[in-house]
Amino acid sequence: MPFVIAEPCIGVKDKSCVEVCPVNCIYEGDDQFYIHPDECIDCQACEAACPVQAIFPDNGVPEKWKGFIGKNREHFANK
């Protein structure tokens, strides 16, 4: 998965990332947004647009938020 949305998004859900995504691969969950790993084209537009700096490349997620990689995967597992 190219990008992961981590903890700073929880409770904020600003939608700036959704508005700039050229392929509409960002989906709203109960507490945060999620980036669909198979639909993302790795353009980095969402990362730059996030006002709370919650979006990271999957290999650059800070250690304290590594659990969000699995949370993102799990969100799309049954969809």
PDB file of N, CA and C in Angstrom:
ATOM      1  N   MET A   1       0.848  -1.177   0.000  1.00  0.00           N
ATOM      2  CA  MET A   1       0.000   0.000   0.000  1.00  0.00           C
ATOM      3  C   MET A   1       0.887   1.231   0.000  1.00  0.00           C
ATOM      4  N   PRO A   2       0.664   2.145  -0.921  1.00  0.00           N
ATOM      5  CA  PRO A   2       1.557   3.308  -1.061  1.00  0.00           C
ATOM      6  C   PRO A   2       1.496   4.306   0.092  1.00  0.00           C
ATOM      7  N   PHE A   3       0.305   4.659   0.547  1.00  0.00           N
ATOM      8  CA  PHE A   3       0.171   5.652   1.608  1.00  0.00           C
ATOM      9  C   PHE A   3      -0.788   5.178   2.683  1.00  0.00           C
ATOM     10  N   VAL A   4      -0.543   5.657   3.899  1.00  0.00           N
ATOM     11  CA  VAL A   4      -1.339   5.296   5.070  1.00  0.00           C
ATOM     12  C   VAL A   4      -1.697   6.574   5.815  1.00  0.00           C
ATOM     13  N   ILE A   5      -2.929   6.643   6.278  1.00  0.00           N
ATOM     14  CA  ILE A   5      -3.370   7.774   7.097  1.00  0.00           C
ATOM     15  C   ILE A   5      -3.300   7.321   8.552  1.00  0.00           C
ATOM     16  N   ALA A   6      -2.632   8.109   9.371  1.00  0.00           N
ATOM     17  CA  ALA A   6      -2.376   7.721  10.764  1.00  0.00           C
ATOM     18  C   ALA A   6      -3.179   8.562  11.760  1.00  0.00           C
ATOM     19  N   GLU A   7      -2.833   8.431  13.009  1.00  0.00           N
ATOM     20  CA  GLU A   7      -3.580   8.985  14.147  1.00  0.00           C
ATOM     21  C   GLU A   7      -3.959  10.467  14.060  1.00  0.00           C
ATOM     22  N   PRO A   8      -3.115  11.346  13.536  1.00  0.00           N
ATOM     23  CA  PRO A   8      -3.518  12.762  13.524  1.00  0.00           C
ATOM     24  C   PRO A   8      -4.836  13.040  12.798  1.00  0.00           C
ATOM     25  N   CYS A   9      -5.284  12.111  11.951  1.00  0.00           N
ATOM     26  CA  CYS A   9      -6.551  12.292  11.234  1.00  0.00           C
ATOM     27  C   CYS A   9      -7.760  12.030  12.135  1.00  0.00           C
ATOM     28  N   ILE A  10      -7.581  11.194  13.137  1.00  0.00           N
ATOM     29  CA  ILE A  10      -8.717  10.802  13.979  1.00  0.00           C
ATOM     30  C   ILE A  10      -9.342  12.027  14.635  1.00  0.00           C
ATOM     31  N   GLY A  11     -10.635  12.145  14.434  1.00  0.00           N
ATOM     32  CA  GLY A  11     -11.387  13.258  15.004  1.00  0.00           C
ATOM     33  C   GLY A  11     -11.311  14.539  14.190  1.00  0.00           C
ATOM     34  N   VAL A  12     -10.437  14.585  13.180  1.00  0.00           N
ATOM     35  CA  VAL A  12     -10.286  15.804  12.382  1.00  0.00           C
ATOM     36  C   VAL A  12     -11.036  15.656  11.061  1.00  0.00           C
ATOM     37  N   LYS A  13     -10.688  14.630  10.307  1.00  0.00           N
ATOM     38  CA  LYS A  13     -11.299  14.330   9.009  1.00  0.00           C
ATOM     39  C   LYS A  13     -11.563  15.597   8.195  1.00  0.00           C
ATOM     40  N   ASP A  14     -10.513  16.322   7.881  1.00  0.00           N
ATOM     41  CA  ASP A  14     -10.567  17.608   7.193  1.00  0.00           C
ATOM     42  C   ASP A  14     -11.070  17.539   5.753  1.00  0.00           C
ATOM     43  N   LYS A  15     -10.856  16.462   5.047  1.00  0.00           N
ATOM     44  CA  LYS A  15     -11.261  16.229   3.662  1.00  0.00           C
ATOM     45  C   LYS A  15     -10.394  16.923   2.618  1.00  0.00           C
ATOM     46  N   SER A  16      -9.355  17.640   3.017  1.00  0.00           N
ATOM     47  CA  SER A  16      -8.458  18.250   2.037  1.00  0.00           C
ATOM     48  C   SER A  16      -7.832  17.175   1.158  1.00  0.00           C
ATOM     49  N   CYS A  17      -7.492  16.052   1.741  1.00  0.00           N
ATOM     50  CA  CYS A  17      -6.877  14.961   0.984  1.00  0.00           C
ATOM     51  C   CYS A  17      -7.852  14.388  -0.041  1.00  0.00           C
ATOM     52  N   VAL A  18      -9.105  14.262   0.347  1.00  0.00           N
ATOM     53  CA  VAL A  18     -10.133  13.721  -0.545  1.00  0.00           C
ATOM     54  C   VAL A  18     -10.309  14.633  -1.756  1.00  0.00           C
ATOM     55  N   GLU A  19     -10.295  15.929  -1.517  1.00  0.00           N
ATOM     56  CA  GLU A  19     -10.532  16.904  -2.578  1.00  0.00           C
ATOM     57  C   GLU A  19      -9.433  16.917  -3.636  1.00  0.00           C
ATOM     58  N   VAL A  20      -8.195  16.587  -3.265  1.00  0.00           N
ATOM     59  CA  VAL A  20      -7.092  16.636  -4.230  1.00  0.00           C
ATOM     60  C   VAL A  20      -6.777  15.283  -4.873  1.00  0.00           C
ATOM     61  N   CYS A  21      -7.359  14.223  -4.404  1.00  0.00           N
ATOM     62  CA  CYS A  21      -7.061  12.894  -4.935  1.00  0.00           C
ATOM     63  C   CYS A  21      -7.609  12.749  -6.360  1.00  0.00           C
ATOM     64  N   PRO A  22      -6.729  12.543  -7.350  1.00  0.00           N
ATOM     65  CA  PRO A  22      -7.193  12.463  -8.733  1.00  0.00           C
ATOM     66  C   PRO A  22      -7.927  11.168  -9.085  1.00  0.00           C
ATOM     67  N   VAL A  23      -7.809  10.138  -8.246  1.00  0.00           N
ATOM     68  CA  VAL A  23      -8.460   8.861  -8.545  1.00  0.00           C
ATOM     69  C   VAL A  23      -9.527   8.473  -7.512  1.00  0.00           C
ATOM     70  N   ASN A  24      -9.839   9.372  -6.601  1.00  0.00           N
ATOM     71  CA  ASN A  24     -10.873   9.135  -5.591  1.00  0.00           C
ATOM     72  C   ASN A  24     -10.674   7.822  -4.837  1.00  0.00           C
ATOM     73  N   CYS A  25      -9.472   7.629  -4.298  1.00  0.00           N
ATOM     74  CA  CYS A  25      -9.176   6.384  -3.587  1.00  0.00           C
ATOM     75  C   CYS A  25      -9.165   6.563  -2.074  1.00  0.00           C
ATOM     76  N   ILE A  26      -9.633   7.711  -1.579  1.00  0.00           N
ATOM     77  CA  ILE A  26      -9.660   7.960  -0.135  1.00  0.00           C
ATOM     78  C   ILE A  26     -11.103   7.845   0.339  1.00  0.00           C
ATOM     79  N   TYR A  27     -11.297   6.988   1.311  1.00  0.00           N
ATOM     80  CA  TYR A  27     -12.644   6.670   1.790  1.00  0.00           C
ATOM     81  C   TYR A  27     -12.790   7.043   3.256  1.00  0.00           C
ATOM     82  N   GLU A  28     -13.991   7.463   3.610  1.00  0.00           N
ATOM     83  CA  GLU A  28     -14.267   7.865   4.981  1.00  0.00           C
ATOM     84  C   GLU A  28     -14.672   6.662   5.819  1.00  0.00           C
ATOM     85  N   GLY A  29     -14.020   6.518   6.965  1.00  0.00           N
ATOM     86  CA  GLY A  29     -14.382   5.493   7.934  1.00  0.00           C
ATOM     87  C   GLY A  29     -15.053   6.149   9.120  1.00  0.00           C
ATOM     88  N   ASP A  30     -15.322   5.374  10.149  1.00  0.00           N
ATOM     89  CA  ASP A  30     -15.995   5.916  11.324  1.00  0.00           C
ATOM     90  C   ASP A  30     -15.202   7.022  12.005  1.00  0.00           C
ATOM     91  N   ASP A  31     -13.890   6.808  12.146  1.00  0.00           N
ATOM     92  CA  ASP A  31     -13.090   7.757  12.910  1.00  0.00           C
ATOM     93  C   ASP A  31     -12.010   8.470  12.100  1.00  0.00           C
ATOM     94  N   GLN A  32     -11.771   8.028  10.862  1.00  0.00           N
ATOM     95  CA  GLN A  32     -10.719   8.633  10.050  1.00  0.00           C
ATOM     96  C   GLN A  32     -10.949   8.283   8.578  1.00  0.00           C
ATOM     97  N   PHE A  33     -10.084   8.809   7.716  1.00  0.00           N
ATOM     98  CA  PHE A  33     -10.099   8.447   6.305  1.00  0.00           C
ATOM     99  C   PHE A  33      -9.102   7.322   6.076  1.00  0.00           C
ATOM    100  N   TYR A  34      -9.315   6.583   4.972  1.00  0.00           N
ATOM    101  CA  TYR A  34      -8.446   5.471   4.595  1.00  0.00           C
ATOM    102  C   TYR A  34      -8.131   5.562   3.111  1.00  0.00           C
ATOM    103  N   ILE A  35      -6.912   5.201   2.740  1.00  0.00           N
ATOM    104  CA  ILE A  35      -6.494   5.203   1.347  1.00  0.00           C
ATOM    105  C   ILE A  35      -6.516   3.767   0.833  1.00  0.00           C
ATOM    106  N   HIS A  36      -7.277   3.535  -0.232  1.00  0.00           N
ATOM    107  CA  HIS A  36      -7.383   2.184  -0.785  1.00  0.00           C
ATOM    108  C   HIS A  36      -6.050   1.797  -1.429  1.00  0.00           C
ATOM    109  N   PRO A  37      -5.426   0.736  -0.956  1.00  0.00           N
ATOM    110  CA  PRO A  37      -4.093   0.374  -1.428  1.00  0.00           C
ATOM    111  C   PRO A  37      -4.028  -0.042  -2.898  1.00  0.00           C
ATOM    112  N   ASP A  38      -5.110  -0.579  -3.430  1.00  0.00           N
ATOM    113  CA  ASP A  38      -5.112  -1.018  -4.828  1.00  0.00           C
ATOM    114  C   ASP A  38      -5.502   0.086  -5.797  1.00  0.00           C
ATOM    115  N   GLU A  39      -6.116   1.128  -5.304  1.00  0.00           N
ATOM    116  CA  GLU A  39      -6.567   2.214  -6.172  1.00  0.00           C
ATOM    117  C   GLU A  39      -5.599   3.395  -6.198  1.00  0.00           C
ATOM    118  N   CYS A  40      -4.793   3.555  -5.166  1.00  0.00           N
ATOM    119  CA  CYS A  40      -3.866   4.679  -5.058  1.00  0.00           C
ATOM    120  C   CYS A  40      -2.818   4.607  -6.170  1.00  0.00           C
ATOM    121  N   ILE A  41      -2.566   5.738  -6.821  1.00  0.00           N
ATOM    122  CA  ILE A  41      -1.569   5.784  -7.902  1.00  0.00           C
ATOM    123  C   ILE A  41      -0.257   6.407  -7.427  1.00  0.00           C
ATOM    124  N   ASP A  42      -0.126   6.612  -6.129  1.00  0.00           N
ATOM    125  CA  ASP A  42       1.125   7.097  -5.535  1.00  0.00           C
ATOM    126  C   ASP A  42       1.525   8.492  -6.042  1.00  0.00           C
ATOM    127  N   CYS A  43       0.543   9.367  -6.212  1.00  0.00           N
ATOM    128  CA  CYS A  43       0.822  10.704  -6.755  1.00  0.00           C
ATOM    129  C   CYS A  43       1.306  11.690  -5.685  1.00  0.00           C
ATOM    130  N   GLN A  44       1.093  11.379  -4.434  1.00  0.00           N
ATOM    131  CA  GLN A  44       1.513  12.174  -3.276  1.00  0.00           C
ATOM    132  C   GLN A  44       0.707  13.456  -3.062  1.00  0.00           C
ATOM    133  N   ALA A  45      -0.353  13.664  -3.829  1.00  0.00           N
ATOM    134  CA  ALA A  45      -1.154  14.872  -3.670  1.00  0.00           C
ATOM    135  C   ALA A  45      -1.801  14.932  -2.288  1.00  0.00           C
ATOM    136  N   CYS A  46      -2.251  13.820  -1.791  1.00  0.00           N
ATOM    137  CA  CYS A  46      -2.919  13.785  -0.486  1.00  0.00           C
ATOM    138  C   CYS A  46      -1.953  14.127   0.646  1.00  0.00           C
ATOM    139  N   GLU A  47      -0.756  13.626   0.540  1.00  0.00           N
ATOM    140  CA  GLU A  47       0.247  13.863   1.582  1.00  0.00           C
ATOM    141  C   GLU A  47       0.516  15.356   1.736  1.00  0.00           C
ATOM    142  N   ALA A  48       0.654  16.053   0.623  1.00  0.00           N
ATOM    143  CA  ALA A  48       0.917  17.491   0.650  1.00  0.00           C
ATOM    144  C   ALA A  48      -0.286  18.294   1.131  1.00  0.00           C
ATOM    145  N   ALA A  49      -1.493  17.800   0.878  1.00  0.00           N
ATOM    146  CA  ALA A  49      -2.705  18.541   1.223  1.00  0.00           C
ATOM    147  C   ALA A  49      -3.164  18.371   2.667  1.00  0.00           C
ATOM    148  N   CYS A  50      -2.672  17.358   3.352  1.00  0.00           N
ATOM    149  CA  CYS A  50      -3.143  17.065   4.712  1.00  0.00           C
ATOM    150  C   CYS A  50      -2.709  18.151   5.700  1.00  0.00           C
ATOM    151  N   PRO A  51      -3.673  18.851   6.303  1.00  0.00           N
ATOM    152  CA  PRO A  51      -3.325  19.937   7.224  1.00  0.00           C
ATOM    153  C   PRO A  51      -2.786  19.470   8.576  1.00  0.00           C
ATOM    154  N   VAL A  52      -2.990  18.189   8.907  1.00  0.00           N
ATOM    155  CA  VAL A  52      -2.518  17.685  10.195  1.00  0.00           C
ATOM    156  C   VAL A  52      -1.354  16.703  10.039  1.00  0.00           C
ATOM    157  N   GLN A  53      -0.827  16.615   8.838  1.00  0.00           N
ATOM    158  CA  GLN A  53       0.324  15.754   8.547  1.00  0.00           C
ATOM    159  C   GLN A  53       0.106  14.326   9.048  1.00  0.00           C
ATOM    160  N   ALA A  54      -1.007  13.748   8.612  1.00  0.00           N
ATOM    161  CA  ALA A  54      -1.365  12.389   9.029  1.00  0.00           C
ATOM    162  C   ALA A  54      -1.072  11.339   7.964  1.00  0.00           C
ATOM    163  N   ILE A  55      -0.648  11.748   6.764  1.00  0.00           N
ATOM    164  CA  ILE A  55      -0.463  10.825   5.653  1.00  0.00           C
ATOM    165  C   ILE A  55       1.025  10.572   5.426  1.00  0.00           C
ATOM    166  N   PHE A  56       1.352   9.276   5.358  1.00  0.00           N
ATOM    167  CA  PHE A  56       2.742   8.861   5.218  1.00  0.00           C
ATOM    168  C   PHE A  56       2.864   7.769   4.167  1.00  0.00           C
ATOM    169  N   PRO A  57       4.014   7.713   3.470  1.00  0.00           N
ATOM    170  CA  PRO A  57       4.265   6.532   2.642  1.00  0.00           C
ATOM    171  C   PRO A  57       4.292   5.315   3.559  1.00  0.00           C
ATOM    172  N   ASP A  58       3.854   4.178   3.077  1.00  0.00           N
ATOM    173  CA  ASP A  58       3.773   3.004   3.954  1.00  0.00           C
ATOM    174  C   ASP A  58       5.109   2.637   4.590  1.00  0.00           C
ATOM    175  N   ASN A  59       6.202   2.961   3.922  1.00  0.00           N
ATOM    176  CA  ASN A  59       7.510   2.662   4.498  1.00  0.00           C
ATOM    177  C   ASN A  59       8.075   3.825   5.318  1.00  0.00           C
ATOM    178  N   GLY A  60       7.255   4.856   5.543  1.00  0.00           N
ATOM    179  CA  GLY A  60       7.700   6.010   6.307  1.00  0.00           C
ATOM    180  C   GLY A  60       6.800   6.366   7.475  1.00  0.00           C
ATOM    181  N   VAL A  61       5.910   5.457   7.838  1.00  0.00           N
ATOM    182  CA  VAL A  61       5.010   5.696   8.967  1.00  0.00           C
ATOM    183  C   VAL A  61       5.842   5.709  10.249  1.00  0.00           C
ATOM    184  N   PRO A  62       5.717   6.756  11.070  1.00  0.00           N
ATOM    185  CA  PRO A  62       6.462   6.786  12.329  1.00  0.00           C
ATOM    186  C   PRO A  62       6.170   5.546  13.184  1.00  0.00           C
ATOM    187  N   GLU A  63       7.160   5.101  13.888  1.00  0.00           N
ATOM    188  CA  GLU A  63       7.066   3.878  14.695  1.00  0.00           C
ATOM    189  C   GLU A  63       5.819   3.870  15.585  1.00  0.00           C
ATOM    190  N   LYS A  64       5.522   5.001  16.206  1.00  0.00           N
ATOM    191  CA  LYS A  64       4.382   5.053  17.133  1.00  0.00           C
ATOM    192  C   LYS A  64       3.037   4.854  16.446  1.00  0.00           C
ATOM    193  N   TRP A  65       2.995   4.970  15.109  1.00  0.00           N
ATOM    194  CA  TRP A  65       1.746   4.816  14.362  1.00  0.00           C
ATOM    195  C   TRP A  65       1.779   3.652  13.392  1.00  0.00           C
ATOM    196  N   LYS A  66       2.740   2.751  13.519  1.00  0.00           N
ATOM    197  CA  LYS A  66       2.854   1.597  12.617  1.00  0.00           C
ATOM    198  C   LYS A  66       1.584   0.751  12.598  1.00  0.00           C
ATOM    199  N   GLY A  67       0.840   0.731  13.678  1.00  0.00           N
ATOM    200  CA  GLY A  67      -0.399  -0.037  13.748  1.00  0.00           C
ATOM    201  C   GLY A  67      -1.444   0.417  12.740  1.00  0.00           C
ATOM    202  N   PHE A  68      -1.302   1.624  12.244  1.00  0.00           N
ATOM    203  CA  PHE A  68      -2.261   2.140  11.266  1.00  0.00           C
ATOM    204  C   PHE A  68      -2.095   1.486   9.893  1.00  0.00           C
ATOM    205  N   ILE A  69      -0.945   0.871   9.646  1.00  0.00           N
ATOM    206  CA  ILE A  69      -0.761   0.129   8.399  1.00  0.00           C
ATOM    207  C   ILE A  69      -1.741  -1.048   8.383  1.00  0.00           C
ATOM    208  N   GLY A  70      -1.774  -1.795   9.470  1.00  0.00           N
ATOM    209  CA  GLY A  70      -2.714  -2.909   9.592  1.00  0.00           C
ATOM    210  C   GLY A  70      -4.151  -2.449   9.643  1.00  0.00           C
ATOM    211  N   LYS A  71      -4.393  -1.338  10.303  1.00  0.00           N
ATOM    212  CA  LYS A  71      -5.758  -0.803  10.393  1.00  0.00           C
ATOM    213  C   LYS A  71      -6.268  -0.450   9.003  1.00  0.00           C
ATOM    214  N   ASN A  72      -5.415   0.137   8.172  1.00  0.00           N
ATOM    215  CA  ASN A  72      -5.809   0.473   6.807  1.00  0.00           C
ATOM    216  C   ASN A  72      -6.087  -0.793   6.002  1.00  0.00           C
ATOM    217  N   ARG A  73      -5.220  -1.770   6.115  1.00  0.00           N
ATOM    218  CA  ARG A  73      -5.388  -3.035   5.395  1.00  0.00           C
ATOM    219  C   ARG A  73      -6.690  -3.703   5.811  1.00  0.00           C
ATOM    220  N   GLU A  74      -6.946  -3.702   7.111  1.00  0.00           N
ATOM    221  CA  GLU A  74      -8.149  -4.324   7.649  1.00  0.00           C
ATOM    222  C   GLU A  74      -9.418  -3.617   7.170  1.00  0.00           C
ATOM    223  N   HIS A  75      -9.354  -2.301   7.053  1.00  0.00           N
ATOM    224  CA  HIS A  75     -10.528  -1.527   6.608  1.00  0.00           C
ATOM    225  C   HIS A  75     -11.007  -1.992   5.237  1.00  0.00           C
ATOM    226  N   PHE A  76     -10.069  -2.356   4.363  1.00  0.00           N
ATOM    227  CA  PHE A  76     -10.433  -2.748   3.000  1.00  0.00           C
ATOM    228  C   PHE A  76     -10.493  -4.261   2.803  1.00  0.00           C
ATOM    229  N   ALA A  77     -10.227  -5.047   3.827  1.00  0.00           N
ATOM    230  CA  ALA A  77     -10.170  -6.500   3.700  1.00  0.00           C
ATOM    231  C   ALA A  77     -11.476  -7.113   3.232  1.00  0.00           C
ATOM    232  N   ASN A  78     -12.582  -6.606   3.651  1.00  0.00           N
ATOM    233  CA  ASN A  78     -13.877  -7.200   3.315  1.00  0.00           C
ATOM    234  C   ASN A  78     -14.688  -6.352   2.328  1.00  0.00           C
ATOM    235  N   LYS A  79     -14.009  -5.528   1.585  1.00  0.00           N
ATOM    236  CA  LYS A  79     -14.721  -4.643   0.655  1.00  0.00           C
ATOM    237  C   LYS A  79     -14.449  -5.028  -0.777  1.00  0.00           C
TER     238      LYS A  79
END
